[in-house]
PDB file of N, CA and C in Angstrom:
ATOM      1  N   UNK A   1      95.705 146.206 104.492  1.00  0.00           N
ATOM      2  CA  UNK A   1      96.472 147.428 104.422  1.00  0.00           C
ATOM      3  C   UNK A   1      95.522 148.602 104.231  1.00  0.00           C
ATOM      4  N   UNK A   2      95.460 149.436 105.197  1.00  0.00           N
ATOM      5  CA  UNK A   2      94.576 150.586 105.092  1.00  0.00           C
ATOM      6  C   UNK A   2      95.203 151.670 104.238  1.00  0.00           C
ATOM      7  N   UNK A   3      94.367 152.446 103.594  1.00  0.00           N
ATOM      8  CA  UNK A   3      94.850 153.560 102.798  1.00  0.00           C
ATOM      9  C   UNK A   3      95.131 153.226 101.352  1.00  0.00           C
ATOM     10  N   UNK A   4      95.242 151.961 100.993  1.00  0.00           N
ATOM     11  CA  UNK A   4      95.569 151.616  99.610  1.00  0.00           C
ATOM     12  C   UNK A   4      94.424 151.905  98.658  1.00  0.00           C
ATOM     13  N   UNK A   5      93.199 151.976  99.166  1.00  0.00           N
ATOM     14  CA  UNK A   5      92.063 152.279  98.304  1.00  0.00           C
ATOM     15  C   UNK A   5      92.108 153.725  97.829  1.00  0.00           C
ATOM     16  N   UNK A   6      92.961 154.538  98.427  1.00  0.00           N
ATOM     17  CA  UNK A   6      93.078 155.938  98.049  1.00  0.00           C
ATOM     18  C   UNK A   6      94.003 156.139  96.853  1.00  0.00           C
ATOM     19  N   UNK A   7      94.546 155.070  96.326  1.00  0.00           N
ATOM     20  CA  UNK A   7      95.472 155.157  95.196  1.00  0.00           C
ATOM     21  C   UNK A   7      94.985 154.294  94.047  1.00  0.00           C
ATOM     22  N   UNK A   8      95.350 154.696  92.847  1.00  0.00           N
ATOM     23  CA  UNK A   8      95.204 153.816  91.697  1.00  0.00           C
ATOM     24  C   UNK A   8      96.610 153.452  91.247  1.00  0.00           C
ATOM     25  N   UNK A   9      96.744 152.261  90.700  1.00  0.00           N
ATOM     26  CA  UNK A   9      98.056 151.736  90.342  1.00  0.00           C
ATOM     27  C   UNK A   9      98.104 151.363  88.870  1.00  0.00           C
ATOM     28  N   UNK A  10      99.304 151.408  88.298  1.00  0.00           N
ATOM     29  CA  UNK A  10      99.526 150.875  86.958  1.00  0.00           C
ATOM     30  C   UNK A  10     100.972 150.436  86.844  1.00  0.00           C
ATOM     31  N   UNK A  11     101.208 149.545  85.893  1.00  0.00           N
ATOM     32  CA  UNK A  11     102.543 148.995  85.658  1.00  0.00           C
ATOM     33  C   UNK A  11     102.940 149.314  84.221  1.00  0.00           C
ATOM     34  N   UNK A  12     104.147 149.845  84.059  1.00  0.00           N
ATOM     35  CA  UNK A  12     104.690 150.096  82.722  1.00  0.00           C
ATOM     36  C   UNK A  12     106.077 149.464  82.655  1.00  0.00           C
ATOM     37  N   UNK A  13     106.484 149.106  81.466  1.00  0.00           N
ATOM     38  CA  UNK A  13     107.823 148.547  81.268  1.00  0.00           C
ATOM     39  C   UNK A  13     108.808 149.669  80.987  1.00  0.00           C
ATOM     40  N   UNK A  14     109.976 149.570  81.573  1.00  0.00           N
ATOM     41  CA  UNK A  14     111.037 150.532  81.292  1.00  0.00           C
ATOM     42  C   UNK A  14     111.518 150.316  79.859  1.00  0.00           C
ATOM     43  N   UNK A  15     111.778 151.391  79.120  1.00  0.00           N
ATOM     44  CA  UNK A  15     112.305 151.237  77.757  1.00  0.00           C
ATOM     45  C   UNK A  15     113.649 150.503  77.778  1.00  0.00           C
ATOM     46  N   UNK A  16     113.808 149.574  76.839  1.00  0.00           N
ATOM     47  CA  UNK A  16     115.054 148.802  76.771  1.00  0.00           C
ATOM     48  C   UNK A  16     115.614 148.840  75.356  1.00  0.00           C
ATOM     49  N   UNK A  17     116.897 148.535  75.259  1.00  0.00           N
ATOM     50  CA  UNK A  17     117.528 148.406  73.945  1.00  0.00           C
ATOM     51  C   UNK A  17     117.445 146.943  73.519  1.00  0.00           C
ATOM     52  N   UNK A  18     117.599 146.703  72.250  1.00  0.00           N
ATOM     53  CA  UNK A  18     117.556 145.324  71.759  1.00  0.00           C
ATOM     54  C   UNK A  18     118.801 144.548  72.147  1.00  0.00           C
ATOM     55  N   UNK A  19     119.899 145.254  72.353  1.00  0.00           N
ATOM     56  CA  UNK A  19     121.152 144.615  72.719  1.00  0.00           C
ATOM     57  C   UNK A  19     121.167 144.325  74.219  1.00  0.00           C
ATOM     58  N   UNK A  20     121.036 143.080  74.577  1.00  0.00           N
ATOM     59  CA  UNK A  20     121.076 142.626  75.970  1.00  0.00           C
ATOM     60  C   UNK A  20     119.913 143.132  76.810  1.00  0.00           C
ATOM     61  N   UNK A  21     118.904 143.697  76.173  1.00  0.00           N
ATOM     62  CA  UNK A  21     117.724 144.182  76.895  1.00  0.00           C
ATOM     63  C   UNK A  21     118.088 145.135  78.024  1.00  0.00           C
ATOM     64  N   UNK A  22     119.056 145.982  77.753  1.00  0.00           N
ATOM     65  CA  UNK A  22     119.485 146.950  78.758  1.00  0.00           C
ATOM     66  C   UNK A  22     118.466 148.065  78.870  1.00  0.00           C
ATOM     67  N   UNK A  23     118.252 148.527  80.077  1.00  0.00           N
ATOM     68  CA  UNK A  23     117.310 149.620  80.320  1.00  0.00           C
ATOM     69  C   UNK A  23     117.917 150.912  79.793  1.00  0.00           C
ATOM     70  N   UNK A  24     117.136 151.650  79.026  1.00  0.00           N
ATOM     71  CA  UNK A  24     117.581 152.936  78.497  1.00  0.00           C
ATOM     72  C   UNK A  24     117.325 154.003  79.557  1.00  0.00           C
ATOM     73  N   UNK A  25     118.386 154.471  80.159  1.00  0.00           N
ATOM     74  CA  UNK A  25     118.275 155.387  81.291  1.00  0.00           C
ATOM     75  C   UNK A  25     117.569 156.691  80.922  1.00  0.00           C
ATOM     76  N   UNK A  26     118.011 157.334  79.840  1.00  0.00           N
ATOM     77  CA  UNK A  26     117.433 158.617  79.452  1.00  0.00           C
ATOM     78  C   UNK A  26     115.955 158.521  79.110  1.00  0.00           C
ATOM     79  N   UNK A  27     115.593 157.491  78.351  1.00  0.00           N
ATOM     80  CA  UNK A  27     114.194 157.313  77.972  1.00  0.00           C
ATOM     81  C   UNK A  27     113.330 156.940  79.172  1.00  0.00           C
ATOM     82  N   UNK A  28     113.874 156.157  80.093  1.00  0.00           N
ATOM     83  CA  UNK A  28     113.130 155.805  81.298  1.00  0.00           C
ATOM     84  C   UNK A  28     112.903 157.043  82.158  1.00  0.00           C
ATOM     85  N   UNK A  29     113.926 157.873  82.279  1.00  0.00           N
ATOM     86  CA  UNK A  29     113.793 159.113  83.043  1.00  0.00           C
ATOM     87  C   UNK A  29     112.727 160.016  82.419  1.00  0.00           C
ATOM     88  N   UNK A  30     112.725 160.131  81.098  1.00  0.00           N
ATOM     89  CA  UNK A  30     111.728 160.958  80.413  1.00  0.00           C
ATOM     90  C   UNK A  30     110.322 160.393  80.607  1.00  0.00           C
ATOM     91  N   UNK A  31     110.191 159.067  80.518  1.00  0.00           N
ATOM     92  CA  UNK A  31     108.904 158.416  80.737  1.00  0.00           C
ATOM     93  C   UNK A  31     108.375 158.728  82.131  1.00  0.00           C
ATOM     94  N   UNK A  32     109.242 158.595  83.142  1.00  0.00           N
ATOM     95  CA  UNK A  32     108.820 158.869  84.515  1.00  0.00           C
ATOM     96  C   UNK A  32     108.462 160.338  84.703  1.00  0.00           C
ATOM     97  N   UNK A  33     109.200 161.240  84.072  1.00  0.00           N
ATOM     98  CA  UNK A  33     108.876 162.666  84.164  1.00  0.00           C
ATOM     99  C   UNK A  33     107.525 162.964  83.526  1.00  0.00           C
ATOM    100  N   UNK A  34     107.246 162.353  82.378  1.00  0.00           N
ATOM    101  CA  UNK A  34     105.955 162.546  81.715  1.00  0.00           C
ATOM    102  C   UNK A  34     104.810 162.019  82.574  1.00  0.00           C
ATOM    103  N   UNK A  35     105.016 160.853  83.167  1.00  0.00           N
ATOM    104  CA  UNK A  35     103.987 160.280  84.035  1.00  0.00           C
ATOM    105  C   UNK A  35     103.803 161.112  85.304  1.00  0.00           C
ATOM    106  N   UNK A  36     104.888 161.662  85.835  1.00  0.00           N
ATOM    107  CA  UNK A  36     104.803 162.507  87.029  1.00  0.00           C
ATOM    108  C   UNK A  36     103.980 163.761  86.746  1.00  0.00           C
ATOM    109  N   UNK A  37     104.066 164.270  85.532  1.00  0.00           N
ATOM    110  CA  UNK A  37     103.274 165.444  85.156  1.00  0.00           C
ATOM    111  C   UNK A  37     101.778 165.139  85.215  1.00  0.00           C
ATOM    112  N   UNK A  38     101.412 163.861  85.074  1.00  0.00           N
ATOM    113  CA  UNK A  38     100.014 163.441  85.175  1.00  0.00           C
ATOM    114  C   UNK A  38      99.655 162.962  86.581  1.00  0.00           C
ATOM    115  N   UNK A  39     100.563 163.157  87.532  1.00  0.00           N
ATOM    116  CA  UNK A  39     100.277 162.810  88.919  1.00  0.00           C
ATOM    117  C   UNK A  39     100.757 161.448  89.369  1.00  0.00           C
ATOM    118  N   UNK A  40     101.427 160.700  88.497  1.00  0.00           N
ATOM    119  CA  UNK A  40     101.918 159.369  88.864  1.00  0.00           C
ATOM    120  C   UNK A  40     103.252 159.483  89.586  1.00  0.00           C
ATOM    121  N   UNK A  41     103.455 158.620  90.567  1.00  0.00           N
ATOM    122  CA  UNK A  41     104.750 158.545  91.254  1.00  0.00           C
ATOM    123  C   UNK A  41     105.218 157.100  91.260  1.00  0.00           C
ATOM    124  N   UNK A  42     106.519 156.935  91.235  1.00  0.00           N
ATOM    125  CA  UNK A  42     107.112 155.601  91.235  1.00  0.00           C
ATOM    126  C   UNK A  42     106.943 154.983  92.613  1.00  0.00           C
ATOM    127  N   UNK A  43     106.331 153.804  92.668  1.00  0.00           N
ATOM    128  CA  UNK A  43     106.075 153.124  93.932  1.00  0.00           C
ATOM    129  C   UNK A  43     107.049 151.970  94.146  1.00  0.00           C
ATOM    130  N   UNK A  44     107.373 151.241  93.063  1.00  0.00           N
ATOM    131  CA  UNK A  44     108.262 150.087  93.188  1.00  0.00           C
ATOM    132  C   UNK A  44     108.818 149.742  91.805  1.00  0.00           C
ATOM    133  N   UNK A  45     109.910 149.001  91.790  1.00  0.00           N
ATOM    134  CA  UNK A  45     110.534 148.550  90.542  1.00  0.00           C
ATOM    135  C   UNK A  45     110.906 147.082  90.700  1.00  0.00           C
ATOM    136  N   UNK A  46     110.601 146.292  89.679  1.00  0.00           N
ATOM    137  CA  UNK A  46     111.031 144.896  89.642  1.00  0.00           C
ATOM    138  C   UNK A  46     111.948 144.753  88.439  1.00  0.00           C
ATOM    139  N   UNK A  47     113.205 144.412  88.698  1.00  0.00           N
ATOM    140  CA  UNK A  47     114.179 144.200  87.624  1.00  0.00           C
ATOM    141  C   UNK A  47     114.157 142.716  87.273  1.00  0.00           C
ATOM    142  N   UNK A  48     113.919 142.431  86.011  1.00  0.00           N
ATOM    143  CA  UNK A  48     113.828 141.047  85.548  1.00  0.00           C
ATOM    144  C   UNK A  48     115.220 140.474  85.294  1.00  0.00           C
ATOM    145  N   UNK A  49     115.401 139.214  85.582  1.00  0.00           N
ATOM    146  CA  UNK A  49     116.719 138.589  85.425  1.00  0.00           C
ATOM    147  C   UNK A  49     117.157 138.547  83.972  1.00  0.00           C
ATOM    148  N   UNK A  50     116.227 138.538  83.016  1.00  0.00           N
ATOM    149  CA  UNK A  50     116.595 138.492  81.596  1.00  0.00           C
ATOM    150  C   UNK A  50     116.791 139.887  81.018  1.00  0.00           C
ATOM    151  N   UNK A  51     116.609 140.898  81.833  1.00  0.00           N
ATOM    152  CA  UNK A  51     116.777 142.283  81.391  1.00  0.00           C
ATOM    153  C   UNK A  51     115.463 143.018  81.432  1.00  0.00           C
ATOM    154  N   UNK A  52     115.558 144.311  81.513  1.00  0.00           N
ATOM    155  CA  UNK A  52     114.356 145.122  81.588  1.00  0.00           C
ATOM    156  C   UNK A  52     113.843 145.248  83.005  1.00  0.00           C
ATOM    157  N   UNK A  53     112.801 146.031  83.145  1.00  0.00           N
ATOM    158  CA  UNK A  53     112.228 146.253  84.463  1.00  0.00           C
ATOM    159  C   UNK A  53     110.773 146.667  84.328  1.00  0.00           C
ATOM    160  N   UNK A  54     109.991 146.339  85.338  1.00  0.00           N
ATOM    161  CA  UNK A  54     108.614 146.787  85.428  1.00  0.00           C
ATOM    162  C   UNK A  54     108.563 147.898  86.463  1.00  0.00           C
ATOM    163  N   UNK A  55     107.952 149.004  86.084  1.00  0.00           N
ATOM    164  CA  UNK A  55     107.831 150.160  86.964  1.00  0.00           C
ATOM    165  C   UNK A  55     106.404 150.206  87.501  1.00  0.00           C
ATOM    166  N   UNK A  56     106.267 150.118  88.807  1.00  0.00           N
ATOM    167  CA  UNK A  56     104.955 150.161  89.441  1.00  0.00           C
ATOM    168  C   UNK A  56     104.706 151.598  89.891  1.00  0.00           C
ATOM    169  N   UNK A  57     103.617 152.166  89.393  1.00  0.00           N
ATOM    170  CA  UNK A  57     103.302 153.565  89.652  1.00  0.00           C
ATOM    171  C   UNK A  57     101.993 153.674  90.419  1.00  0.00           C
ATOM    172  N   UNK A  58     101.848 154.768  91.150  1.00  0.00           N
ATOM    173  CA  UNK A  58     100.592 155.024  91.841  1.00  0.00           C
ATOM    174  C   UNK A  58     100.307 156.516  91.820  1.00  0.00           C
ATOM    175  N   UNK A  59      99.022 156.847  91.973  1.00  0.00           N
ATOM    176  CA  UNK A  59      98.629 158.240  92.134  1.00  0.00           C
ATOM    177  C   UNK A  59      97.371 158.288  92.979  1.00  0.00           C
ATOM    178  N   UNK A  60      97.212 159.382  93.670  1.00  0.00           N
ATOM    179  CA  UNK A  60      96.049 159.555  94.528  1.00  0.00           C
ATOM    180  C   UNK A  60      94.797 159.653  93.665  1.00  0.00           C
ATOM    181  N   UNK A  61      93.720 159.106  94.177  1.00  0.00           N
ATOM    182  CA  UNK A  61      92.440 159.177  93.442  1.00  0.00           C
ATOM    183  C   UNK A  61      91.784 160.506  93.638  1.00  0.00           C
TER     184      UNK A  61
END
């Protein structure tokens, strides 16, 4: 895949509640906004069957 070397990647977990491991929408939105201010953009999301999600982020080098 060409062009991928132009990005750096990181994975963060979406904030969840203790009850049923539900994703906290407001806190996740704030997290993504804070990361966007540093140049990160959401590239992909993996929702886990037991609850929660991994957010895959990337930004140009």
